[in-house]
PDB file of N, CA and C in Angstrom:
ATOM      1  N   MET A   1     -40.422 -98.443 -98.100  1.00  0.00           N
ATOM      2  CA  MET A   1     -41.084 -97.833 -97.278  1.00  0.00           C
ATOM      3  C   MET A   1     -42.042 -98.678 -96.640  1.00  0.00           C
ATOM      4  N   THR A   2     -41.527 -98.269 -95.336  1.00  0.00           N
ATOM      5  CA  THR A   2     -42.234 -99.228 -94.249  1.00  0.00           C
ATOM      6  C   THR A   2     -43.115 -98.550 -92.990  1.00  0.00           C
ATOM      7  N   GLY A   3     -43.061 -96.804 -93.006  1.00  0.00           N
ATOM      8  CA  GLY A   3     -43.719 -96.349 -92.469  1.00  0.00           C
ATOM      9  C   GLY A   3     -45.487 -95.936 -93.027  1.00  0.00           C
ATOM     10  N   ALA A   4     -46.038 -94.907 -92.514  1.00  0.00           N
ATOM     11  CA  ALA A   4     -47.676 -94.660 -92.579  1.00  0.00           C
ATOM     12  C   ALA A   4     -47.457 -93.859 -94.174  1.00  0.00           C
ATOM     13  N   GLY A   5     -46.323 -93.703 -94.779  1.00  0.00           N
ATOM     14  CA  GLY A   5     -46.593 -93.143 -96.247  1.00  0.00           C
ATOM     15  C   GLY A   5     -46.177 -94.682 -97.245  1.00  0.00           C
ATOM     16  N   ALA A   6     -45.821 -95.521 -96.673  1.00  0.00           N
ATOM     17  CA  ALA A   6     -45.372 -97.007 -97.513  1.00  0.00           C
ATOM     18  C   ALA A   6     -46.485 -97.138 -98.234  1.00  0.00           C
ATOM     19  N   GLU A   7     -47.772 -96.592 -98.135  1.00  0.00           N
ATOM     20  CA  GLU A   7     -48.778 -97.774 -98.986  1.00  0.00           C
ATOM     21  C   GLU A   7     -49.257 -96.943 -99.721  1.00  0.00           C
ATOM     22  N   HIS A   8     -48.599 -95.648-100.004  1.00  0.00           N
ATOM     23  CA  HIS A   8     -49.302 -94.808-100.814  1.00  0.00           C
ATOM     24  C   HIS A   8     -48.336 -94.533-102.364  1.00  0.00           C
ATOM     25  N   ALA A   9     -48.747 -94.238-103.297  1.00  0.00           N
ATOM     26  CA  ALA A   9     -47.726 -94.008-104.435  1.00  0.00           C
ATOM     27  C   ALA A   9     -47.131 -92.664-104.191  1.00  0.00           C
ATOM     28  N   PRO A  10     -45.822 -92.473-104.774  1.00  0.00           N
ATOM     29  CA  PRO A  10     -45.722 -91.113-104.536  1.00  0.00           C
ATOM     30  C   PRO A  10     -46.671 -89.624-105.193  1.00  0.00           C
ATOM     31  N   TRP A  11     -46.568 -88.719-104.282  1.00  0.00           N
ATOM     32  CA  TRP A  11     -47.701 -87.446-104.675  1.00  0.00           C
ATOM     33  C   TRP A  11     -47.255 -87.215-105.988  1.00  0.00           C
ATOM     34  N   SER A  12     -45.880 -86.770-106.223  1.00  0.00           N
ATOM     35  CA  SER A  12     -45.158 -86.182-107.536  1.00  0.00           C
ATOM     36  C   SER A  12     -45.903 -86.887-109.166  1.00  0.00           C
ATOM     37  N   ARG A  13     -46.164 -88.271-109.108  1.00  0.00           N
ATOM     38  CA  ARG A  13     -46.488 -89.167-109.960  1.00  0.00           C
ATOM     39  C   ARG A  13     -47.715 -88.565-110.822  1.00  0.00           C
ATOM     40  N   PRO A  14     -48.958 -88.402-109.996  1.00  0.00           N
ATOM     41  CA  PRO A  14     -50.268 -88.063-110.537  1.00  0.00           C
ATOM     42  C   PRO A  14     -50.273 -86.380-111.032  1.00  0.00           C
ATOM     43  N   VAL A  15     -49.259 -85.819-110.635  1.00  0.00           N
ATOM     44  CA  VAL A  15     -49.088 -84.336-111.038  1.00  0.00           C
ATOM     45  C   VAL A  15     -48.618 -84.296-111.759  1.00  0.00           C
ATOM     46  N   ARG A  16     -46.989 -84.993-112.409  1.00  0.00           N
ATOM     47  CA  ARG A  16     -46.739 -85.197-113.399  1.00  0.00           C
ATOM     48  C   ARG A  16     -47.394 -85.610-114.846  1.00  0.00           C
ATOM     49  N   ALA A  17     -48.303 -86.594-114.496  1.00  0.00           N
ATOM     50  CA  ALA A  17     -49.093 -86.890-115.504  1.00  0.00           C
ATOM     51  C   ALA A  17     -49.878 -86.478-115.947  1.00  0.00           C
ATOM     52  N   GLN A  18     -50.832 -85.398-114.842  1.00  0.00           N
ATOM     53  CA  GLN A  18     -51.592 -84.051-115.498  1.00  0.00           C
ATOM     54  C   GLN A  18     -50.671 -82.746-116.257  1.00  0.00           C
ATOM     55  N   ALA A  19     -49.625 -82.601-115.914  1.00  0.00           N
ATOM     56  CA  ALA A  19     -48.655 -81.404-116.755  1.00  0.00           C
ATOM     57  C   ALA A  19     -48.665 -82.377-117.885  1.00  0.00           C
ATOM     58  N   CYS A  20     -48.111 -83.619-117.951  1.00  0.00           N
ATOM     59  CA  CYS A  20     -48.122 -84.279-119.635  1.00  0.00           C
ATOM     60  C   CYS A  20     -49.188 -84.173-120.052  1.00  0.00           C
ATOM     61  N   SER A  21     -50.284 -84.249-119.247  1.00  0.00           N
ATOM     62  CA  SER A  21     -51.786 -84.329-120.587  1.00  0.00           C
ATOM     63  C   SER A  21     -52.163 -83.241-120.923  1.00  0.00           C
ATOM     64  N   LEU A  22     -51.646 -81.862-119.756  1.00  0.00           N
ATOM     65  CA  LEU A  22     -51.746 -80.432-120.378  1.00  0.00           C
ATOM     66  C   LEU A  22     -51.088 -80.306-121.416  1.00  0.00           C
ATOM     67  N   ARG A  23     -49.874 -80.779-121.673  1.00  0.00           N
ATOM     68  CA  ARG A  23     -48.905 -80.179-122.820  1.00  0.00           C
ATOM     69  C   ARG A  23     -49.651 -80.931-124.235  1.00  0.00           C
ATOM     70  N   GLU A  24     -50.126 -82.258-123.969  1.00  0.00           N
ATOM     71  CA  GLU A  24     -50.574 -82.893-124.865  1.00  0.00           C
ATOM     72  C   GLU A  24     -51.916 -81.985-125.646  1.00  0.00           C
ATOM     73  N   GLN A  25     -52.479 -81.754-124.510  1.00  0.00           N
ATOM     74  CA  GLN A  25     -53.817 -81.090-124.742  1.00  0.00           C
ATOM     75  C   GLN A  25     -53.574 -79.881-125.584  1.00  0.00           C
ATOM     76  N   ALA A  26     -52.437 -79.064-124.995  1.00  0.00           N
ATOM     77  CA  ALA A  26     -51.940 -77.722-125.969  1.00  0.00           C
ATOM     78  C   ALA A  26     -51.404 -78.111-127.039  1.00  0.00           C
ATOM     79  N   ALA A  27     -50.884 -78.990-127.560  1.00  0.00           N
ATOM     80  CA  ALA A  27     -50.002 -79.526-128.856  1.00  0.00           C
ATOM     81  C   ALA A  27     -51.404 -79.439-129.609  1.00  0.00           C
ATOM     82  N   ARG A  28     -52.333 -80.601-128.889  1.00  0.00           N
ATOM     83  CA  ARG A  28     -53.818 -80.407-130.081  1.00  0.00           C
ATOM     84  C   ARG A  28     -54.219 -79.251-130.453  1.00  0.00           C
ATOM     85  N   LEU A  29     -54.188 -78.464-129.499  1.00  0.00           N
ATOM     86  CA  LEU A  29     -54.990 -77.214-129.174  1.00  0.00           C
ATOM     87  C   LEU A  29     -54.262 -76.323-130.593  1.00  0.00           C
ATOM     88  N   ARG A  30     -52.974 -76.393-130.607  1.00  0.00           N
ATOM     89  CA  ARG A  30     -52.597 -75.283-131.522  1.00  0.00           C
ATOM     90  C   ARG A  30     -52.576 -75.959-132.904  1.00  0.00           C
ATOM     91  N   SER A  31     -52.405 -77.433-133.245  1.00  0.00           N
ATOM     92  CA  SER A  31     -52.596 -78.231-134.174  1.00  0.00           C
ATOM     93  C   SER A  31     -54.027 -77.874-134.946  1.00  0.00           C
ATOM     94  N   SER A  32     -55.137 -77.858-134.068  1.00  0.00           N
ATOM     95  CA  SER A  32     -56.253 -77.507-134.646  1.00  0.00           C
ATOM     96  C   SER A  32     -56.588 -76.027-135.030  1.00  0.00           C
ATOM     97  N   ALA A  33     -55.585 -75.303-134.174  1.00  0.00           N
ATOM     98  CA  ALA A  33     -55.788 -73.886-134.705  1.00  0.00           C
ATOM     99  C   ALA A  33     -55.409 -73.668-135.738  1.00  0.00           C
ATOM    100  N   ALA A  34     -54.067 -74.325-135.985  1.00  0.00           N
ATOM    101  CA  ALA A  34     -53.616 -74.323-137.638  1.00  0.00           C
ATOM    102  C   ALA A  34     -54.440 -74.546-138.511  1.00  0.00           C
ATOM    103  N   GLU A  35     -55.483 -75.123-138.309  1.00  0.00           N
ATOM    104  CA  GLU A  35     -56.329 -75.679-139.489  1.00  0.00           C
ATOM    105  C   GLU A  35     -57.931 -74.864-139.581  1.00  0.00           C
ATOM    106  N   VAL A  36     -58.156 -74.401-138.241  1.00  0.00           N
ATOM    107  CA  VAL A  36     -59.205 -72.899-138.679  1.00  0.00           C
ATOM    108  C   VAL A  36     -58.492 -71.629-138.877  1.00  0.00           C
ATOM    109  N   ALA A  37     -57.051 -71.450-138.591  1.00  0.00           N
ATOM    110  CA  ALA A  37     -57.056 -70.019-138.957  1.00  0.00           C
ATOM    111  C   ALA A  37     -57.430 -69.527-140.572  1.00  0.00           C
ATOM    112  N   PRO A  38     -56.992 -70.499-141.459  1.00  0.00           N
ATOM    113  CA  PRO A  38     -57.359 -69.926-142.901  1.00  0.00           C
ATOM    114  C   PRO A  38     -59.062 -69.766-143.550  1.00  0.00           C
ATOM    115  N   LEU A  39     -59.703 -69.634-142.288  1.00  0.00           N
ATOM    116  CA  LEU A  39     -61.095 -69.806-142.279  1.00  0.00           C
ATOM    117  C   LEU A  39     -61.790 -68.370-142.385  1.00  0.00           C
ATOM    118  N   GLY A  40     -60.901 -67.433-142.709  1.00  0.00           N
ATOM    119  CA  GLY A  40     -61.714 -65.896-142.933  1.00  0.00           C
ATOM    120  C   GLY A  40     -61.248 -65.729-141.340  1.00  0.00           C
ATOM    121  N   ALA A  41     -62.208 -64.269-141.348  1.00  0.00           N
ATOM    122  CA  ALA A  41     -62.306 -63.494-139.913  1.00  0.00           C
ATOM    123  C   ALA A  41     -62.631 -64.046-138.915  1.00  0.00           C
ATOM    124  N   GLU A  42     -63.695 -65.116-138.974  1.00  0.00           N
ATOM    125  CA  GLU A  42     -64.159 -66.215-137.910  1.00  0.00           C
ATOM    126  C   GLU A  42     -62.957 -67.130-137.551  1.00  0.00           C
ATOM    127  N   GLY A  43     -62.431 -67.671-138.243  1.00  0.00           N
ATOM    128  CA  GLY A  43     -61.582 -68.600-138.308  1.00  0.00           C
ATOM    129  C   GLY A  43     -60.368 -67.836-137.580  1.00  0.00           C
ATOM    130  N   ALA A  44     -60.026 -66.637-137.932  1.00  0.00           N
ATOM    131  CA  ALA A  44     -58.895 -66.233-137.202  1.00  0.00           C
ATOM    132  C   ALA A  44     -59.016 -65.776-135.487  1.00  0.00           C
ATOM    133  N   ALA A  45     -60.361 -65.174-135.452  1.00  0.00           N
ATOM    134  CA  ALA A  45     -60.616 -65.161-134.266  1.00  0.00           C
ATOM    135  C   ALA A  45     -60.703 -66.603-133.390  1.00  0.00           C
ATOM    136  N   LEU A  46     -61.429 -67.575-133.823  1.00  0.00           N
ATOM    137  CA  LEU A  46     -60.978 -68.748-133.342  1.00  0.00           C
ATOM    138  C   LEU A  46     -59.812 -69.089-132.853  1.00  0.00           C
ATOM    139  N   HIS A  47     -59.124 -69.331-133.625  1.00  0.00           N
ATOM    140  CA  HIS A  47     -57.233 -69.381-133.707  1.00  0.00           C
ATOM    141  C   HIS A  47     -56.753 -68.712-132.198  1.00  0.00           C
ATOM    142  N   LYS A  48     -57.024 -67.613-132.526  1.00  0.00           N
ATOM    143  CA  LYS A  48     -56.618 -66.427-131.320  1.00  0.00           C
ATOM    144  C   LYS A  48     -56.957 -66.846-129.982  1.00  0.00           C
ATOM    145  N   ARG A  49     -58.527 -67.517-129.970  1.00  0.00           N
ATOM    146  CA  ARG A  49     -58.810 -68.179-128.835  1.00  0.00           C
ATOM    147  C   ARG A  49     -58.204 -69.204-128.380  1.00  0.00           C
ATOM    148  N   MET A  50     -58.005 -70.530-129.376  1.00  0.00           N
ATOM    149  CA  MET A  50     -57.304 -71.325-129.343  1.00  0.00           C
ATOM    150  C   MET A  50     -55.669 -71.297-128.521  1.00  0.00           C
ATOM    151  N   ILE A  51     -55.648 -70.649-129.707  1.00  0.00           N
ATOM    152  CA  ILE A  51     -53.946 -70.436-129.413  1.00  0.00           C
ATOM    153  C   ILE A  51     -53.759 -69.620-127.879  1.00  0.00           C
ATOM    154  N   ALA A  52     -54.642 -69.327-127.610  1.00  0.00           N
ATOM    155  CA  ALA A  52     -54.701 -68.747-126.000  1.00  0.00           C
ATOM    156  C   ALA A  52     -54.799 -69.329-125.369  1.00  0.00           C
ATOM    157  N   HIS A  53     -55.668 -70.401-125.206  1.00  0.00           N
ATOM    158  CA  HIS A  53     -56.078 -71.854-124.328  1.00  0.00           C
ATOM    159  C   HIS A  53     -54.922 -72.624-124.261  1.00  0.00           C
ATOM    160  N   ALA A  54     -54.206 -72.821-125.356  1.00  0.00           N
ATOM    161  CA  ALA A  54     -53.161 -73.594-125.612  1.00  0.00           C
ATOM    162  C   ALA A  54     -51.965 -72.882-124.560  1.00  0.00           C
ATOM    163  N   ASP A  55     -51.725 -71.659-124.617  1.00  0.00           N
ATOM    164  CA  ASP A  55     -50.502 -71.281-123.805  1.00  0.00           C
ATOM    165  C   ASP A  55     -50.909 -71.284-122.312  1.00  0.00           C
ATOM    166  N   ARG A  56     -52.198 -70.924-121.890  1.00  0.00           N
ATOM    167  CA  ARG A  56     -52.608 -71.366-120.515  1.00  0.00           C
ATOM    168  C   ARG A  56     -52.793 -72.598-120.285  1.00  0.00           C
ATOM    169  N   ALA A  57     -52.653 -73.873-121.069  1.00  0.00           N
ATOM    170  CA  ALA A  57     -52.565 -75.086-120.581  1.00  0.00           C
ATOM    171  C   ALA A  57     -50.892 -75.142-120.513  1.00  0.00           C
ATOM    172  N   GLU A  58     -50.123 -74.602-121.041  1.00  0.00           N
ATOM    173  CA  GLU A  58     -48.918 -74.700-120.780  1.00  0.00           C
ATOM    174  C   GLU A  58     -48.495 -74.227-119.645  1.00  0.00           C
ATOM    175  N   THR A  59     -48.978 -72.937-119.442  1.00  0.00           N
ATOM    176  CA  THR A  59     -48.360 -71.994-118.097  1.00  0.00           C
ATOM    177  C   THR A  59     -48.644 -73.233-116.991  1.00  0.00           C
ATOM    178  N   ALA A  60     -50.272 -73.910-117.273  1.00  0.00           N
ATOM    179  CA  ALA A  60     -50.502 -74.551-115.637  1.00  0.00           C
ATOM    180  C   ALA A  60     -49.799 -75.565-115.964  1.00  0.00           C
ATOM    181  N   ALA A  61     -49.174 -76.505-117.001  1.00  0.00           N
ATOM    182  CA  ALA A  61     -48.090 -77.402-117.155  1.00  0.00           C
ATOM    183  C   ALA A  61     -47.079 -77.261-116.378  1.00  0.00           C
ATOM    184  N   ARG A  62     -46.316 -76.141-116.672  1.00  0.00           N
ATOM    185  CA  ARG A  62     -45.205 -75.296-115.803  1.00  0.00           C
ATOM    186  C   ARG A  62     -45.051 -75.305-114.455  1.00  0.00           C
ATOM    187  N   SER A  63     -46.509 -75.173-114.313  1.00  0.00           N
ATOM    188  CA  SER A  63     -47.001 -75.028-112.558  1.00  0.00           C
ATOM    189  C   SER A  63     -46.777 -76.196-111.959  1.00  0.00           C
ATOM    190  N   LEU A  64     -47.633 -76.783-112.515  1.00  0.00           N
ATOM    191  CA  LEU A  64     -47.688 -78.417-111.904  1.00  0.00           C
ATOM    192  C   LEU A  64     -46.502 -79.206-112.259  1.00  0.00           C
ATOM    193  N   GLU A  65     -45.372 -78.789-113.313  1.00  0.00           N
ATOM    194  CA  GLU A  65     -44.125 -79.478-113.141  1.00  0.00           C
ATOM    195  C   GLU A  65     -42.858 -79.176-111.846  1.00  0.00           C
ATOM    196  N   ARG A  66     -43.565 -77.769-111.680  1.00  0.00           N
ATOM    197  CA  ARG A  66     -42.677 -76.776-110.556  1.00  0.00           C
ATOM    198  C   ARG A  66     -43.421 -78.032-109.082  1.00  0.00           C
ATOM    199  N   ALA A  67     -44.700 -78.143-108.919  1.00  0.00           N
ATOM    200  CA  ALA A  67     -45.049 -78.135-107.792  1.00  0.00           C
ATOM    201  C   ALA A  67     -44.601 -80.029-107.782  1.00  0.00           C
ATOM    202  N   ALA A  68     -44.614 -80.771-109.025  1.00  0.00           N
ATOM    203  CA  ALA A  68     -44.145 -81.906-108.977  1.00  0.00           C
ATOM    204  C   ALA A  68     -43.048 -82.309-108.621  1.00  0.00           C
ATOM    205  N   ASP A  69     -42.109 -81.208-108.607  1.00  0.00           N
ATOM    206  CA  ASP A  69     -40.538 -81.159-108.271  1.00  0.00           C
ATOM    207  C   ASP A  69     -40.436 -81.086-106.242  1.00  0.00           C
ATOM    208  N   ALA A  70     -41.568 -80.002-106.294  1.00  0.00           N
ATOM    209  CA  ALA A  70     -41.254 -79.568-104.866  1.00  0.00           C
ATOM    210  C   ALA A  70     -41.913 -81.063-104.073  1.00  0.00           C
ATOM    211  N   LEU A  71     -43.007 -81.630-104.944  1.00  0.00           N
ATOM    212  CA  LEU A  71     -43.731 -83.172-103.579  1.00  0.00           C
ATOM    213  C   LEU A  71     -42.413 -83.874-103.892  1.00  0.00           C
ATOM    214  N   ALA A  72     -41.608 -84.236-105.134  1.00  0.00           N
ATOM    215  CA  ALA A  72     -40.685 -85.201-105.283  1.00  0.00           C
ATOM    216  C   ALA A  72     -39.433 -84.673-104.002  1.00  0.00           C
ATOM    217  N   ARG A  73     -39.379 -83.247-103.802  1.00  0.00           N
ATOM    218  CA  ARG A  73     -38.257 -83.219-102.859  1.00  0.00           C
ATOM    219  C   ARG A  73     -38.828 -83.898-101.493  1.00  0.00           C
ATOM    220  N   HIS A  74     -39.905 -83.293-101.028  1.00  0.00           N
ATOM    221  CA  HIS A  74     -40.312 -83.641 -99.939  1.00  0.00           C
ATOM    222  C   HIS A  74     -40.623 -84.929 -99.302  1.00  0.00           C
ATOM    223  N   GLU A  75     -41.320 -85.902-100.556  1.00  0.00           N
ATOM    224  CA  GLU A  75     -41.152 -87.321-100.948  1.00  0.00           C
ATOM    225  C   GLU A  75     -39.673 -87.972-100.705  1.00  0.00           C
ATOM    226  N   ALA A  76     -39.002 -87.203-101.128  1.00  0.00           N
ATOM    227  CA  ALA A  76     -37.183 -87.840-100.397  1.00  0.00           C
ATOM    228  C   ALA A  76     -37.184 -87.601 -98.972  1.00  0.00           C
ATOM    229  N   VAL A  77     -37.651 -86.446 -98.783  1.00  0.00           N
ATOM    230  CA  VAL A  77     -36.961 -85.968 -97.085  1.00  0.00           C
ATOM    231  C   VAL A  77     -38.051 -87.304 -96.352  1.00  0.00           C
ATOM    232  N   LEU A  78     -39.005 -87.115 -96.536  1.00  0.00           N
ATOM    233  CA  LEU A  78     -40.375 -88.582 -96.141  1.00  0.00           C
ATOM    234  C   LEU A  78     -39.828 -89.529 -95.991  1.00  0.00           C
ATOM    235  N   ALA A  79     -39.042 -90.085 -96.930  1.00  0.00           N
ATOM    236  CA  ALA A  79     -38.506 -91.693 -97.060  1.00  0.00           C
ATOM    237  C   ALA A  79     -37.608 -91.662 -96.396  1.00  0.00           C
ATOM    238  N   ALA A  80     -36.398 -90.704 -96.347  1.00  0.00           N
ATOM    239  CA  ALA A  80     -35.278 -90.687 -95.391  1.00  0.00           C
ATOM    240  C   ALA A  80     -35.734 -91.143 -94.128  1.00  0.00           C
ATOM    241  N   LEU A  81     -36.845 -89.987 -93.579  1.00  0.00           N
ATOM    242  CA  LEU A  81     -37.512 -90.416 -92.185  1.00  0.00           C
ATOM    243  C   LEU A  81     -38.037 -91.290 -91.860  1.00  0.00           C
ATOM    244  N   ASP A  82     -38.454 -91.935 -92.889  1.00  0.00           N
ATOM    245  CA  ASP A  82     -39.075 -93.236 -92.709  1.00  0.00           C
ATOM    246  C   ASP A  82     -38.002 -94.293 -92.656  1.00  0.00           C
ATOM    247  N   ARG A  83     -37.091 -94.199 -93.464  1.00  0.00           N
ATOM    248  CA  ARG A  83     -36.246 -95.375 -93.278  1.00  0.00           C
ATOM    249  C   ARG A  83     -35.599 -95.183 -91.844  1.00  0.00           C
ATOM    250  N   ARG A  84     -35.325 -94.112 -90.984  1.00  0.00           N
ATOM    251  CA  ARG A  84     -34.853 -94.039 -89.938  1.00  0.00           C
ATOM    252  C   ARG A  84     -35.445 -94.544 -88.821  1.00  0.00           C
ATOM    253  N   LEU A  85     -36.522 -93.919 -89.028  1.00  0.00           N
ATOM    254  CA  LEU A  85     -37.724 -94.673 -88.055  1.00  0.00           C
ATOM    255  C   LEU A  85     -37.577 -96.159 -87.739  1.00  0.00           C
ATOM    256  N   ALA A  86     -37.718 -97.091 -89.490  1.00  0.00           N
ATOM    257  CA  ALA A  86     -37.682 -98.205 -90.089  1.00  0.00           C
ATOM    258  C   ALA A  86     -36.044 -98.560 -88.867  1.00  0.00           C
ATOM    259  N   ASP A  87     -34.988 -98.149 -89.112  1.00  0.00           N
ATOM    260  CA  ASP A  87     -33.667 -98.361 -88.525  1.00  0.00           C
ATOM    261  C   ASP A  87     -33.716 -98.127 -86.556  1.00  0.00           C
ATOM    262  N   GLY A  88     -34.919 -97.826 -86.577  1.00  0.00           N
ATOM    263  CA  GLY A  88     -34.622 -97.820 -85.432  1.00  0.00           C
ATOM    264  C   GLY A  88     -34.306 -96.550 -84.357  1.00  0.00           C
ATOM    265  N   ASP A  89     -33.771 -95.261 -85.073  1.00  0.00           N
ATOM    266  CA  ASP A  89     -32.759 -94.366 -84.813  1.00  0.00           C
ATOM    267  C   ASP A  89     -33.867 -93.664 -83.806  1.00  0.00           C
ATOM    268  N   SER A  90     -33.703 -93.411 -82.037  1.00  0.00           N
ATOM    269  CA  SER A  90     -34.488 -92.343 -81.489  1.00  0.00           C
ATOM    270  C   SER A  90     -34.553 -91.279 -81.756  1.00  0.00           C
ATOM    271  N   GLY A  91     -32.965 -90.867 -82.021  1.00  0.00           N
ATOM    272  CA  GLY A  91     -32.243 -89.534 -81.949  1.00  0.00           C
ATOM    273  C   GLY A  91     -31.859 -89.330 -80.712  1.00  0.00           C
ATOM    274  N   GLY A  92     -31.504 -90.197 -79.776  1.00  0.00           N
ATOM    275  CA  GLY A  92     -31.372 -90.284 -78.581  1.00  0.00           C
ATOM    276  C   GLY A  92     -32.306 -89.946 -77.286  1.00  0.00           C
ATOM    277  N   PRO A  93     -32.299 -89.917 -76.124  1.00  0.00           N
ATOM    278  CA  PRO A  93     -32.737 -89.745 -74.852  1.00  0.00           C
ATOM    279  C   PRO A  93     -33.634 -88.249 -75.411  1.00  0.00           C
ATOM    280  N   GLY A  94     -34.881 -87.579 -75.095  1.00  0.00           N
ATOM    281  CA  GLY A  94     -35.506 -86.722 -75.197  1.00  0.00           C
ATOM    282  C   GLY A  94     -35.231 -86.210 -76.155  1.00  0.00           C
ATOM    283  N   ARG A  95     -35.297 -86.544 -77.083  1.00  0.00           N
ATOM    284  CA  ARG A  95     -35.474 -85.906 -78.841  1.00  0.00           C
ATOM    285  C   ARG A  95     -36.534 -86.766 -79.595  1.00  0.00           C
ATOM    286  N   PRO A  96     -37.007 -86.115 -80.007  1.00  0.00           N
ATOM    287  CA  PRO A  96     -38.177 -86.812 -81.219  1.00  0.00           C
ATOM    288  C   PRO A  96     -37.196 -87.673 -82.356  1.00  0.00           C
ATOM    289  N   ARG A  97     -37.936 -88.736 -82.712  1.00  0.00           N
ATOM    290  CA  ARG A  97     -37.553 -89.427 -83.305  1.00  0.00           C
ATOM    291  C   ARG A  97     -37.213 -89.072 -85.032  1.00  0.00           C
ATOM    292  N   TRP A  98     -37.358 -88.357 -85.164  1.00  0.00           N
ATOM    293  CA  TRP A  98     -37.410 -87.221 -86.320  1.00  0.00           C
ATOM    294  C   TRP A  98     -36.298 -86.111 -86.823  1.00  0.00           C
ATOM    295  N   TYR A  99     -35.696 -86.065 -85.336  1.00  0.00           N
ATOM    296  CA  TYR A  99     -34.600 -85.296 -85.738  1.00  0.00           C
ATOM    297  C   TYR A  99     -33.402 -86.056 -86.127  1.00  0.00           C
TER     298      TYR A  99
END
């Protein structure tokens, strides 16, 4: 890309990385929860809380994935507009260059 967005990495990339990190955290929580479950009543309560946290992390990861998908679509549109601008396509007289 050559325009204003050329110097930036895709916005969706760090969002996807965060989603991946949340999924990994959820997996670690589930694994740890399985280890504390046999520790009696306190272990069962801790297991329940850990599973709830893992569920929330996975829900957040899914939301971040949807956001990353939307950002990727916007990035594609911006890249197409940037290419048109780089090609000198002004859209004709009286029309903005991005039409």
